[in-house]
Amino acid sequence: MDKIAMQVEQHYPNYAAYTMDLGHPHMDDHEHENFTVYVRGLEDKYYIYSEMIFDENSGKLLHNRPYEKRNFGEKYVAANYDIHVGAILGTFGKILAFISSLICASLPVTGFLVWWGRKKKARI
């Protein structure tokens, strides 16, 4: 694992963080022969990441797939979480996502209040 970590840091010295997928024996029905390392480019955004695959036994780099070599569809699918929470536009996007979700959450309450008020008026 130390060999893998050194190689990742050599390939991507300015990236924010990296995670190593060791597999999940309770979820998978087969043994993983390779380690997959996901290298995040920015600290607060998840969609900019590169993927590296290493041999489990030797630590040899088998495949390196940088973010820049992905096509538009793969970049869009990777940005799904960041779009959902508004992180793709930074702080402004998060504020915009919060306000829009607050409006959506208030719609059932205001609808009920309008319905209840109309019901009370009809009796008078």
C-alpha atoms as a PDB file:
ATOM      1  CA  MET A   1       0.000   0.000   0.000  1.00  0.00           C
ATOM      2  CA  ASP A   2       2.907   2.343   0.669  1.00  0.00           C
ATOM      3  CA  LYS A   3       4.199   1.729  -2.862  1.00  0.00           C
ATOM      4  CA  ILE A   4       0.787   2.571  -4.260  1.00  0.00           C
ATOM      5  CA  ALA A   5       0.533   5.743  -2.173  1.00  0.00           C
ATOM      6  CA  MET A   6       3.940   6.941  -3.371  1.00  0.00           C
ATOM      7  CA  GLN A   7       3.022   6.326  -7.015  1.00  0.00           C
ATOM      8  CA  VAL A   8      -0.259   8.187  -6.629  1.00  0.00           C
ATOM      9  CA  GLU A   9       1.521  11.171  -5.077  1.00  0.00           C
ATOM     10  CA  GLN A  10       4.091  11.149  -7.905  1.00  0.00           C
ATOM     11  CA  HIS A  11       1.409  11.173 -10.610  1.00  0.00           C
ATOM     12  CA  TYR A  12      -0.896  13.693  -8.899  1.00  0.00           C
ATOM     13  CA  PRO A  13       1.131  15.856  -6.480  1.00  0.00           C
ATOM     14  CA  ASN A  14      -1.339  18.763  -6.376  1.00  0.00           C
ATOM     15  CA  TYR A  15      -4.554  16.795  -5.919  1.00  0.00           C
ATOM     16  CA  ALA A  16      -6.526  17.215  -2.684  1.00  0.00           C
ATOM     17  CA  ALA A  17      -7.109  13.622  -1.525  1.00  0.00           C
ATOM     18  CA  TYR A  18      -7.227  10.019  -2.612  1.00  0.00           C
ATOM     19  CA  THR A  19      -9.181   6.974  -1.536  1.00  0.00           C
ATOM     20  CA  MET A  20      -8.379   3.336  -2.093  1.00  0.00           C
ATOM     21  CA  ASP A  21     -11.104   0.785  -2.813  1.00  0.00           C
ATOM     22  CA  LEU A  22     -10.145  -2.423  -1.008  1.00  0.00           C
ATOM     23  CA  GLY A  23     -13.350  -4.233  -1.939  1.00  0.00           C
ATOM     24  CA  HIS A  24     -16.190  -5.347   0.268  1.00  0.00           C
ATOM     25  CA  PRO A  25     -16.126  -9.093   0.957  1.00  0.00           C
ATOM     26  CA  HIS A  26     -19.606  -9.055   2.482  1.00  0.00           C
ATOM     27  CA  MET A  27     -21.030  -7.472  -0.701  1.00  0.00           C
ATOM     28  CA  ASP A  28     -18.939  -9.054  -3.443  1.00  0.00           C
ATOM     29  CA  ASP A  29     -19.012 -12.671  -4.482  1.00  0.00           C
ATOM     30  CA  HIS A  30     -15.447 -12.653  -5.814  1.00  0.00           C
ATOM     31  CA  GLU A  31     -12.018 -11.595  -4.659  1.00  0.00           C
ATOM     32  CA  HIS A  32     -10.589  -8.328  -5.928  1.00  0.00           C
ATOM     33  CA  GLU A  33      -7.339  -8.822  -7.784  1.00  0.00           C
ATOM     34  CA  ASN A  34      -6.623  -5.105  -8.089  1.00  0.00           C
ATOM     35  CA  PHE A  35      -6.771  -1.957  -5.999  1.00  0.00           C
ATOM     36  CA  THR A  36      -8.618   1.014  -7.409  1.00  0.00           C
ATOM     37  CA  VAL A  37      -7.525   4.445  -6.238  1.00  0.00           C
ATOM     38  CA  TYR A  38      -9.736   7.497  -6.778  1.00  0.00           C
ATOM     39  CA  VAL A  39      -7.767  10.738  -6.681  1.00  0.00           C
ATOM     40  CA  ARG A  40      -9.854  13.873  -6.011  1.00  0.00           C
ATOM     41  CA  GLY A  41      -8.731  17.066  -7.694  1.00  0.00           C
ATOM     42  CA  LEU A  42     -10.536  19.590  -5.499  1.00  0.00           C
ATOM     43  CA  GLU A  43     -11.318  19.394  -1.819  1.00  0.00           C
ATOM     44  CA  ASP A  44     -14.940  20.549  -1.950  1.00  0.00           C
ATOM     45  CA  LYS A  45     -15.998  19.003  -5.280  1.00  0.00           C
ATOM     46  CA  TYR A  46     -16.322  15.313  -6.026  1.00  0.00           C
ATOM     47  CA  TYR A  47     -16.697  15.312  -9.800  1.00  0.00           C
ATOM     48  CA  ILE A  48     -13.062  16.116 -10.609  1.00  0.00           C
ATOM     49  CA  TYR A  49     -11.310  12.826  -9.939  1.00  0.00           C
ATOM     50  CA  SER A  50      -8.859  10.519 -11.635  1.00  0.00           C
ATOM     51  CA  GLU A  51      -8.836   6.751 -11.380  1.00  0.00           C
ATOM     52  CA  MET A  52      -5.781   4.533 -11.003  1.00  0.00           C
ATOM     53  CA  ILE A  53      -5.761   0.722 -10.896  1.00  0.00           C
ATOM     54  CA  PHE A  54      -2.884  -1.158  -9.263  1.00  0.00           C
ATOM     55  CA  ASP A  55      -1.999  -4.843  -9.055  1.00  0.00           C
ATOM     56  CA  GLU A  56      -2.758  -6.187  -5.592  1.00  0.00           C
ATOM     57  CA  ASN A  57       0.432  -8.228  -5.234  1.00  0.00           C
ATOM     58  CA  SER A  58       3.162  -6.183  -6.913  1.00  0.00           C
ATOM     59  CA  GLY A  59       1.761  -2.653  -6.576  1.00  0.00           C
ATOM     60  CA  LYS A  60       2.389  -2.109 -10.296  1.00  0.00           C
ATOM     61  CA  LEU A  61       0.293   0.565 -12.020  1.00  0.00           C
ATOM     62  CA  LEU A  62      -2.028  -1.198 -14.472  1.00  0.00           C
ATOM     63  CA  HIS A  63      -4.238   1.652 -15.627  1.00  0.00           C
ATOM     64  CA  ASN A  64      -4.287   5.428 -15.161  1.00  0.00           C
ATOM     65  CA  ARG A  65      -7.370   7.342 -16.238  1.00  0.00           C
ATOM     66  CA  PRO A  66      -7.062  11.083 -15.614  1.00  0.00           C
ATOM     67  CA  TYR A  67     -10.074  13.376 -15.434  1.00  0.00           C
ATOM     68  CA  GLU A  68      -9.032  15.207 -18.595  1.00  0.00           C
ATOM     69  CA  LYS A  69      -9.396  12.044 -20.727  1.00  0.00           C
ATOM     70  CA  ARG A  70     -13.040  11.440 -19.815  1.00  0.00           C
ATOM     71  CA  ASN A  71     -15.737  12.299 -22.336  1.00  0.00           C
ATOM     72  CA  PHE A  72     -18.572  14.758 -21.641  1.00  0.00           C
ATOM     73  CA  GLY A  73     -21.059  12.045 -20.623  1.00  0.00           C
ATOM     74  CA  GLU A  74     -18.714  10.535 -18.048  1.00  0.00           C
ATOM     75  CA  LYS A  75     -17.943  13.975 -16.616  1.00  0.00           C
ATOM     76  CA  TYR A  76     -21.664  14.760 -16.407  1.00  0.00           C
ATOM     77  CA  VAL A  77     -22.490  11.494 -14.613  1.00  0.00           C
ATOM     78  CA  ALA A  78     -19.595  12.084 -12.192  1.00  0.00           C
ATOM     79  CA  ALA A  79     -20.968  15.572 -11.447  1.00  0.00           C
ATOM     80  CA  ASN A  80     -24.404  14.229 -10.430  1.00  0.00           C
ATOM     81  CA  TYR A  81     -23.819  14.606  -6.680  1.00  0.00           C
ATOM     82  CA  ASP A  82     -22.251  18.047  -7.014  1.00  0.00           C
ATOM     83  CA  ILE A  83     -25.155  19.245  -9.158  1.00  0.00           C
ATOM     84  CA  HIS A  84     -27.647  17.811  -6.661  1.00  0.00           C
ATOM     85  CA  VAL A  85     -26.202  19.650  -3.659  1.00  0.00           C
ATOM     86  CA  GLY A  86     -25.232  22.805  -5.595  1.00  0.00           C
ATOM     87  CA  ALA A  87     -21.502  22.391  -4.979  1.00  0.00           C
ATOM     88  CA  ILE A  88     -20.739  22.664  -8.682  1.00  0.00           C
ATOM     89  CA  LEU A  89     -21.274  26.461  -8.512  1.00  0.00           C
ATOM     90  CA  GLY A  90     -19.427  26.883  -5.215  1.00  0.00           C
ATOM     91  CA  THR A  91     -20.941  28.747  -2.283  1.00  0.00           C
ATOM     92  CA  PHE A  92     -23.440  30.573  -4.506  1.00  0.00           C
ATOM     93  CA  GLY A  93     -24.699  27.222  -5.816  1.00  0.00           C
ATOM     94  CA  LYS A  94     -25.126  25.837  -2.311  1.00  0.00           C
ATOM     95  CA  ILE A  95     -27.118  28.905  -1.261  1.00  0.00           C
ATOM     96  CA  LEU A  96     -29.241  28.646  -4.413  1.00  0.00           C
ATOM     97  CA  ALA A  97     -29.900  24.933  -3.775  1.00  0.00           C
ATOM     98  CA  PHE A  98     -30.849  25.695  -0.155  1.00  0.00           C
ATOM     99  CA  ILE A  99     -33.304  28.444  -1.122  1.00  0.00           C
ATOM    100  CA  SER A 100     -34.921  26.358  -3.867  1.00  0.00           C
ATOM    101  CA  SER A 101     -35.288  23.347  -1.553  1.00  0.00           C
ATOM    102  CA  LEU A 102     -36.747  25.603   1.155  1.00  0.00           C
ATOM    103  CA  ILE A 103     -39.334  26.899  -1.332  1.00  0.00           C
ATOM    104  CA  CYS A 104     -40.182  23.350  -2.431  1.00  0.00           C
ATOM    105  CA  ALA A 105     -40.549  22.245   1.192  1.00  0.00           C
ATOM    106  CA  SER A 106     -42.891  25.154   1.962  1.00  0.00           C
ATOM    107  CA  LEU A 107     -45.276  24.453  -0.952  1.00  0.00           C
ATOM    108  CA  PRO A 108     -47.330  21.732   0.802  1.00  0.00           C
ATOM    109  CA  VAL A 109     -47.654  23.883   3.937  1.00  0.00           C
ATOM    110  CA  THR A 110     -48.780  26.994   2.060  1.00  0.00           C
ATOM    111  CA  GLY A 111     -51.120  24.905  -0.091  1.00  0.00           C
ATOM    112  CA  PHE A 112     -52.726  23.474   3.021  1.00  0.00           C
ATOM    113  CA  LEU A 113     -53.127  26.943   4.545  1.00  0.00           C
ATOM    114  CA  VAL A 114     -54.809  28.265   1.383  1.00  0.00           C
ATOM    115  CA  TRP A 115     -57.122  25.229   1.299  1.00  0.00           C
ATOM    116  CA  TRP A 116     -57.950  25.572   5.012  1.00  0.00           C
ATOM    117  CA  GLY A 117     -58.621  29.305   4.671  1.00  0.00           C
ATOM    118  CA  ARG A 118     -60.977  28.766   1.714  1.00  0.00           C
ATOM    119  CA  LYS A 119     -62.814  26.057   3.629  1.00  0.00           C
ATOM    120  CA  LYS A 120     -63.360  28.385   6.598  1.00  0.00           C
ATOM    121  CA  LYS A 121     -64.651  31.216   4.354  1.00  0.00           C
ATOM    122  CA  ALA A 122     -67.333  29.027   2.769  1.00  0.00           C
ATOM    123  CA  ARG A 123     -69.003  28.430   6.159  1.00  0.00           C
ATOM    124  CA  ILE A 124     -69.510  32.113   6.973  1.00  0.00           C
END
